[in-house]
Protein backbone atom coordinates (compact mmCIF):
# COMPACT_ATOMS: atom_id res chain seq x y z
CA MET A 1 50.97 100.70 121.05
CA SER A 2 54.31 101.15 122.84
CA LEU A 3 56.48 104.18 122.20
CA GLU A 4 59.04 101.95 120.46
CA GLU A 5 56.37 100.67 118.06
CA GLN A 6 55.22 104.24 117.42
CA VAL A 7 58.77 105.25 116.54
CA TYR A 8 59.17 102.28 114.20
CA GLN A 9 55.88 103.21 112.54
CA ALA A 10 57.11 106.79 112.05
CA LEU A 11 60.39 105.55 110.59
CA ARG A 12 58.59 103.25 108.16
CA GLY A 13 56.91 106.37 106.81
CA ILE A 14 60.27 107.87 105.78
CA ALA A 15 61.47 106.97 102.29
CA ASP A 16 65.16 106.75 101.47
CA PRO A 17 65.73 109.63 99.01
CA GLU A 18 68.08 107.51 96.90
CA SER A 19 65.96 104.36 96.50
CA GLY A 20 62.43 105.29 97.51
CA THR A 21 62.26 102.32 99.90
CA ASP A 22 61.35 103.08 103.50
CA ILE A 23 64.44 103.32 105.71
CA VAL A 24 63.45 100.39 107.95
CA SER A 25 62.95 97.92 105.11
CA LYS A 26 66.16 99.09 103.44
CA GLY A 27 68.14 98.37 106.60
CA ILE A 28 69.24 101.95 107.21
CA VAL A 29 67.81 101.73 110.75
CA ARG A 30 70.33 99.38 112.33
CA ASP A 31 69.15 99.67 115.93
CA LEU A 32 66.41 101.39 117.90
CA ARG A 33 66.21 101.77 121.66
CA VAL A 34 63.75 103.66 123.83
CA GLU A 35 64.84 104.51 127.37
CA GLY A 36 62.10 106.45 129.09
CA GLY A 37 61.51 109.47 126.87
CA ARG A 38 64.89 109.15 125.14
CA VAL A 39 64.99 107.55 121.69
CA LYS A 40 68.32 106.22 120.39
CA ILE A 41 68.52 105.44 116.69
CA SER A 42 71.59 103.87 115.06
CA LEU A 43 71.93 104.21 111.30
CA SER A 44 73.94 102.38 108.64
CA LEU A 45 74.44 104.46 105.51
CA GLU A 46 76.31 103.50 102.38
CA SER A 47 76.16 107.04 100.96
CA ARG A 48 78.90 109.49 101.95
CA ASP A 49 77.11 112.56 100.60
CA LYS A 50 77.01 115.03 103.51
CA GLU A 51 73.84 116.79 102.35
CA TYR A 52 72.04 113.46 101.96
CA VAL A 53 73.12 112.31 105.44
CA LYS A 54 72.23 115.62 107.07
CA GLY A 55 68.84 115.80 105.34
CA LEU A 56 67.90 112.25 106.24
CA GLN A 57 68.84 112.79 109.88
CA GLU A 58 66.78 115.97 110.07
CA THR A 59 63.79 114.12 108.62
CA ILE A 60 64.19 111.29 111.14
CA ARG A 61 64.54 113.71 114.04
CA ALA A 62 61.44 115.69 113.00
CA ALA A 63 59.33 112.55 112.56
CA THR A 64 60.23 111.06 115.93
CA ALA A 65 60.58 114.16 118.14
CA SER A 66 56.95 115.10 117.53
CA LEU A 67 55.63 111.82 118.98
CA PRO A 68 53.94 112.06 122.41
CA GLY A 69 56.32 110.96 125.15
CA VAL A 70 59.55 111.58 123.18
CA GLU A 71 61.80 113.97 125.08
CA LYS A 72 65.07 113.57 123.20
CA VAL A 73 66.23 111.89 119.99
CA ASP A 74 69.83 110.67 119.65
CA ILE A 75 70.98 109.63 116.17
CA SER A 76 74.33 107.84 116.19
CA ARG A 77 76.99 108.43 113.55
CA PRO A 78 76.34 106.80 110.19
CA LEU A 79 78.30 103.60 109.74
CA PRO A 80 79.13 101.93 106.42
CA MET A 81 77.08 98.74 106.04
CA ALA A 82 79.22 95.70 105.37
CA ALA A 83 78.16 93.69 102.34
CA SER A 84 77.88 90.52 104.41
CA GLN A 85 75.31 92.05 106.77
CA ALA A 86 71.69 91.43 105.83
CA PRO A 87 69.35 94.29 106.76
CA PRO A 88 66.91 93.54 109.61
CA LYS A 89 63.35 92.66 108.79
CA PRO A 90 60.75 95.42 109.21
CA GLY A 91 60.10 95.92 112.90
CA GLN A 92 62.96 93.63 113.90
CA LYS A 93 65.56 95.10 116.24
CA ALA A 94 69.06 94.71 114.83
CA GLN A 95 71.69 93.40 117.22
CA SER A 96 75.35 94.37 116.98
CA PRO A 97 78.14 92.00 118.08
CA PHE A 98 79.83 95.03 119.63
CA GLU A 99 77.07 96.17 122.00
CA GLN A 100 79.50 95.88 124.92
CA GLN A 101 81.38 98.92 123.64
CA GLN A 102 81.73 101.73 126.13
CA GLY A 103 83.35 105.08 125.58
CA ILE A 104 86.27 106.22 127.73
CA PRO A 105 85.30 109.11 130.01
CA GLY A 106 87.05 112.30 128.94
CA ILE A 107 88.02 111.09 125.44
CA ARG A 108 85.92 112.56 122.64
CA ASN A 109 87.37 110.73 119.62
CA ILE A 110 89.42 107.59 119.09
CA ILE A 111 91.30 107.47 115.79
CA ALA A 112 92.90 104.18 114.72
CA VAL A 113 95.82 104.26 112.29
CA GLY A 114 96.35 100.94 110.55
CA SER A 115 97.89 99.24 107.54
CA GLY A 116 97.46 95.98 105.70
CA LYS A 117 101.14 95.16 105.93
CA GLY A 118 104.25 96.26 107.77
CA GLY A 119 106.92 98.58 106.47
CA VAL A 120 104.62 101.22 104.96
CA GLY A 121 105.34 103.95 107.53
CA LYS A 122 102.14 103.56 109.53
CA SER A 123 103.72 104.60 112.83
CA THR A 124 105.30 107.65 111.21
CA VAL A 125 101.87 108.72 109.96
CA ALA A 126 100.29 108.07 113.38
CA VAL A 127 102.92 110.16 115.18
CA ASN A 128 102.76 113.10 112.79
CA LEU A 129 98.95 113.00 112.69
CA ALA A 130 98.88 113.22 116.50
CA LEU A 131 101.33 116.13 116.51
CA ALA A 132 99.44 117.95 113.74
CA LEU A 133 96.22 117.67 115.74
CA GLU A 134 98.00 118.99 118.83
CA GLU A 135 99.45 121.84 116.80
CA ALA A 136 95.91 122.73 115.72
CA GLY A 137 94.99 123.31 119.36
CA PHE A 138 93.51 119.95 120.34
CA LYS A 139 94.35 117.86 123.42
CA VAL A 140 95.85 114.66 122.06
CA GLY A 141 96.98 111.27 123.31
CA LEU A 142 98.98 108.65 121.40
CA MET A 143 98.53 104.98 122.25
CA ASP A 144 101.00 102.44 120.85
CA ALA A 145 98.91 99.32 120.24
CA ASP A 146 101.63 97.69 118.12
CA ILE A 147 102.44 95.35 121.00
CA TYR A 148 104.95 93.17 119.16
CA GLY A 149 106.79 96.08 117.55
CA PRO A 150 106.38 99.20 119.74
CA SER A 151 108.08 102.20 118.15
CA MET A 152 106.61 105.18 120.02
CA PRO A 153 109.38 105.38 122.67
CA LEU A 154 111.99 105.88 119.95
CA MET A 155 109.92 108.03 117.59
CA MET A 156 108.61 110.34 120.31
CA GLY A 157 111.95 110.51 122.14
CA VAL A 158 110.75 109.22 125.52
CA GLN A 159 112.32 106.26 127.28
CA GLN A 160 111.26 106.59 130.94
CA THR A 161 109.17 104.09 132.85
CA PRO A 162 105.72 105.51 133.72
CA ILE A 163 104.58 105.64 137.33
CA THR A 164 101.16 104.84 138.76
CA ASN A 165 98.86 107.04 140.84
CA ALA A 166 97.08 106.26 144.10
CA GLU A 167 94.38 104.38 142.18
CA ASN A 168 97.05 102.16 140.58
CA LYS A 169 96.45 103.70 137.15
CA ILE A 170 99.35 104.39 134.83
CA ILE A 171 100.26 108.04 134.27
CA PRO A 172 101.22 108.37 130.59
CA LEU A 173 104.43 110.07 129.59
CA THR A 174 104.35 113.35 127.68
CA ALA A 175 106.35 114.25 124.61
CA HIS A 176 105.85 117.25 122.30
CA ASN A 177 102.80 118.11 124.44
CA VAL A 178 101.14 114.77 123.56
CA LYS A 179 100.37 112.08 126.14
CA VAL A 180 101.99 108.78 125.14
CA MET A 181 101.59 105.18 126.28
CA SER A 182 103.46 102.15 124.91
CA ILE A 183 104.35 98.65 126.02
CA GLY A 184 107.87 99.73 125.11
CA PHE A 185 107.93 101.80 128.31
CA LEU A 186 107.27 98.73 130.45
CA ILE A 187 109.63 96.07 129.08
CA PRO A 188 113.42 96.04 128.59
CA GLU A 189 114.52 96.99 125.07
CA GLY A 190 114.85 93.96 122.81
CA THR A 191 112.67 91.71 124.97
CA PRO A 192 110.35 89.61 122.75
CA LEU A 193 106.68 89.36 123.68
CA ILE A 194 105.17 85.92 123.10
CA TRP A 195 101.52 86.54 123.93
CA ARG A 196 98.33 84.92 122.74
CA GLY A 197 95.04 86.69 121.97
CA PRO A 198 93.50 86.84 125.48
CA ILE A 199 96.61 88.47 126.95
CA LEU A 200 96.73 90.95 124.08
CA GLN A 201 93.12 91.92 124.76
CA GLN A 202 93.87 92.44 128.44
CA MET A 203 96.80 94.71 127.56
CA ILE A 204 94.72 96.77 125.13
CA GLN A 205 92.01 97.15 127.77
CA GLN A 206 94.64 98.18 130.32
CA PHE A 207 95.97 100.86 127.96
CA LEU A 208 92.45 102.16 127.33
CA THR A 209 90.96 102.19 130.83
CA GLY A 210 93.96 101.71 133.15
CA VAL A 211 95.78 104.85 131.97
CA THR A 212 94.98 108.35 133.24
CA TRP A 213 94.44 109.92 129.83
CA GLY A 214 92.40 112.79 131.28
CA GLN A 215 90.48 115.07 128.94
CA LEU A 216 91.41 114.42 125.30
CA ASP A 217 89.93 115.60 122.04
CA TYR A 218 91.71 112.79 120.21
CA LEU A 219 93.33 109.51 121.19
CA VAL A 220 95.35 108.34 118.18
CA VAL A 221 95.95 104.57 118.29
CA ASP A 222 98.85 103.10 116.31
CA LEU A 223 97.67 99.61 115.36
CA PRO A 224 99.91 96.69 114.42
CA PRO A 225 99.91 95.79 110.72
CA GLY A 226 97.40 93.27 109.43
CA THR A 227 94.02 92.12 110.71
CA GLY A 228 94.68 90.36 113.99
CA ASP A 229 93.65 90.17 117.63
CA VAL A 230 94.57 93.76 118.53
CA GLN A 231 92.35 95.27 115.84
CA LEU A 232 89.42 93.07 116.82
CA SER A 233 89.90 93.73 120.55
CA LEU A 234 90.01 97.48 120.07
CA ALA A 235 86.84 97.43 117.94
CA GLN A 236 85.06 95.33 120.56
CA LEU A 237 86.15 97.36 123.58
CA VAL A 238 85.52 100.97 122.51
CA PRO A 239 83.60 102.87 119.84
CA ILE A 240 86.20 104.01 117.31
CA THR A 241 85.34 107.33 115.72
CA GLY A 242 87.22 106.48 112.56
CA ALA A 243 90.28 104.84 111.05
CA VAL A 244 93.05 106.06 108.77
CA MET A 245 94.65 103.39 106.60
CA VAL A 246 98.23 103.73 105.36
CA THR A 247 99.57 102.16 102.18
CA THR A 248 102.41 102.55 99.71
CA PRO A 249 101.82 102.87 95.97
CA GLN A 250 102.68 99.31 94.84
CA ASP A 251 100.05 96.64 94.17
CA VAL A 252 101.16 94.28 96.97
CA ALA A 253 100.49 96.99 99.55
CA LEU A 254 97.21 97.85 97.84
CA THR A 255 95.97 94.27 98.14
CA ASP A 256 96.75 94.22 101.85
CA VAL A 257 95.19 97.60 102.62
CA LEU A 258 91.97 96.53 100.87
CA ARG A 259 91.90 93.51 103.15
CA GLY A 260 92.47 95.71 106.20
CA ILE A 261 89.68 98.09 105.22
CA ALA A 262 87.28 95.19 104.64
CA MET A 263 88.03 93.93 108.15
CA LEU A 264 87.32 97.36 109.68
CA GLN A 265 84.04 97.67 107.81
CA LYS A 266 82.91 94.26 109.07
CA VAL A 267 83.36 95.41 112.67
CA ASN A 268 81.60 98.73 111.96
CA VAL A 269 84.64 101.01 112.14
CA PRO A 270 84.21 103.96 109.74
CA VAL A 271 87.24 104.49 107.53
CA ILE A 272 87.97 108.22 107.30
CA GLY A 273 90.46 107.89 104.49
CA ILE A 274 93.65 106.49 103.00
CA VAL A 275 97.16 107.92 103.20
CA GLU A 276 99.61 106.92 100.48
CA ASN A 277 103.04 107.01 102.12
CA MET A 278 106.42 106.91 100.30
CA SER A 279 104.52 108.13 97.28
CA TYR A 280 107.58 109.49 95.49
CA PHE A 281 111.12 110.77 96.05
CA GLU A 282 112.21 114.25 95.05
CA CYS A 283 115.94 114.74 94.58
CA PRO A 284 117.04 117.63 96.83
CA HIS A 285 119.60 118.73 94.20
CA CYS A 286 117.90 118.53 90.82
CA HIS A 287 114.32 118.28 92.18
CA GLN A 288 113.52 115.44 89.80
CA THR A 289 110.70 113.21 91.04
CA THR A 290 111.14 109.41 91.07
CA LYS A 291 108.33 106.89 91.72
CA ILE A 292 110.40 104.37 93.69
CA PHE A 293 107.48 102.18 94.78
CA SER A 294 105.44 102.31 91.57
CA GLU A 295 102.48 104.71 91.66
CA GLY A 296 98.73 105.07 92.08
CA GLY A 297 98.06 102.43 94.75
CA GLY A 298 96.36 104.84 97.12
CA GLU A 299 94.28 106.35 94.33
CA ARG A 300 93.15 102.92 93.12
CA ALA A 301 92.09 101.91 96.63
CA SER A 302 90.29 105.22 97.08
CA GLU A 303 88.38 104.85 93.82
CA ARG A 304 87.53 101.19 94.34
CA LEU A 305 86.08 101.72 97.83
CA SER A 306 84.85 105.31 97.49
CA ILE A 307 87.03 106.31 100.46
CA PRO A 308 88.86 109.67 100.38
CA LEU A 309 92.57 109.78 99.60
CA LEU A 310 93.75 112.08 102.39
CA GLY A 311 97.25 112.70 101.10
CA LYS A 312 100.33 111.44 99.25
CA ILE A 313 103.39 111.67 101.48
CA PRO A 314 106.80 111.75 99.75
CA LEU A 315 109.78 109.65 100.77
CA ASP A 316 112.24 111.80 102.71
CA PRO A 317 115.47 110.39 104.24
CA GLU A 318 115.42 113.14 106.86
CA VAL A 319 112.17 111.71 108.24
CA VAL A 320 114.01 108.50 109.08
CA VAL A 321 116.78 110.42 110.84
CA GLY A 322 114.28 112.53 112.76
CA GLY A 323 112.24 109.49 113.77
CA ASP A 324 115.34 107.75 115.12
CA LYS A 325 116.18 110.86 117.16
CA GLY A 326 112.68 111.31 118.57
CA VAL A 327 111.95 114.42 116.48
CA PRO A 328 109.08 113.64 114.06
CA ALA A 329 108.88 115.33 110.66
CA ILE A 330 106.34 117.98 111.63
CA LYS A 331 108.66 119.11 114.45
CA ALA A 332 111.98 118.65 112.64
CA LYS A 333 110.89 120.53 109.48
CA PRO A 334 107.72 122.47 110.38
CA ALA A 335 107.87 124.60 107.21
CA SER A 336 108.34 121.65 104.83
CA ALA A 337 105.81 120.49 102.26
CA GLN A 338 105.62 117.18 104.09
CA ALA A 339 104.65 118.87 107.37
CA GLU A 340 101.95 120.81 105.53
CA LEU A 341 100.59 117.54 104.11
CA TYR A 342 100.27 116.14 107.63
CA ARG A 343 98.41 119.27 108.69
CA ARG A 344 95.96 118.80 105.82
CA ILE A 345 95.45 115.16 106.78
CA ALA A 346 94.82 116.21 110.39
CA ALA A 347 92.30 118.82 109.22
CA ALA A 348 90.45 116.18 107.18
CA VAL A 349 90.36 113.83 110.18
CA ALA A 350 89.06 116.60 112.45
CA GLU A 351 86.36 117.49 109.92
CA ALA A 352 85.26 113.85 109.68
CA CYS A 353 85.03 113.65 113.48
CA GLU A 354 82.95 116.81 113.64
CA THR A 355 80.60 115.37 111.03
CA ALA A 356 80.29 112.21 113.11
CA ALA A 357 79.55 114.30 116.22
CA VAL A 358 76.77 116.15 114.37
CA SER A 359 75.39 112.80 113.24
CA ARG A 360 75.21 111.60 116.82
CA GLY A 361 73.11 114.68 117.64
C-alpha cells in the first residue's frame, strides 16, 4: 500500500464531529498530495467555528503524522465549499480548476476588496484598510486592479510615473508608507482603456509579478465592481488569503454584493467579512442620525451567508474632500470614530489571516 493510500485510510477513520460521517466521504478532504515524506492536505469546511476547525486539524495531523514515512504534514487553510461543488468520491483525488496558482515571493497575504456594484465606496475602504494595517505595524502594498476606473493615484496623492529596475520590473510608488501600483500611473489622465479579457489578465499578472513589491505582510487589491475578468484572473493567478466585500445599506446593493460573494465562493476565495459603507449620516451640528441609504443591508447579507459584518462606516463629507486631496480618512482625522472603525476592520482582517496561517500549519 502506497503512502498516499495509507493517508487516505487514516483520514477515512476520522469522523466529522458535526455529522458523524468520515471526512473523506463528506468531502471535507478536497485534495491530498504526497511528495516524498511531505503530506499536503487541502480542506473545505462549511463551519466557521474556530474550535471545531482547530480540533479537526489537530486530529488530522495526529492521525497522519504517526504513519511510517511521513516527515511533515501541511494542512491548507479551510475554504468554504461552494454549493455547486460535489464532494469527491471516497479515495478519489479532488482536482481544483485553480491548481496553477502560485504565491508571490515575499508577500504573506493577499486581501481583495470588492463590491457587487460601483459607487459604494469600495476604493475608500481599500485605501483606509491598507493604511490601518500599516499603522498597526505591518508592511503593506496597495494594488489598484480597477483597470477601467483607477482611483489610487488621486486618493493616495501620488501622480508620478514609476521607473523600472535593471531587471525591467516596475518599482512601485510609495505614499503614506504604503507601496502603491495603479494603471493610472502609466496612462495619461482621462485616457479610456478599451481592453478585452486576455489583455486584462496580462495586466493583472504584470502588476502581481512584474512589480518589485519586496517583503509585504499584506497586499491589498482594490478590485473593480462586479464579477468580471479581473476578479477571475486574480483568483486564477494567485492564492487569495481572503476578501472583504463592501456594500451600502439599500436592497439594490445587497442583491449585487450577494452575487459578488457567490462568485468568490465558487472560485474558492474565502470571504473574511462585509463592510457596510455610507451606513448613516450624523449631523455635525445637532448630532441627529439619518439613514440616507435605507438601513440593514450589510446585516441582512451577513445573516443570510453567515459571514461577519466587520463594520458600519458612516457617511462623512470630509472623507470625500480628503480623498480628492490624497489624504484618506484615517490620516486626515486619525482620532475620529470613522478612523477607529477602520482600525477595527483591519484588526479583524489580520486576525482572519492569522487563523488561515495556523490552518496551513
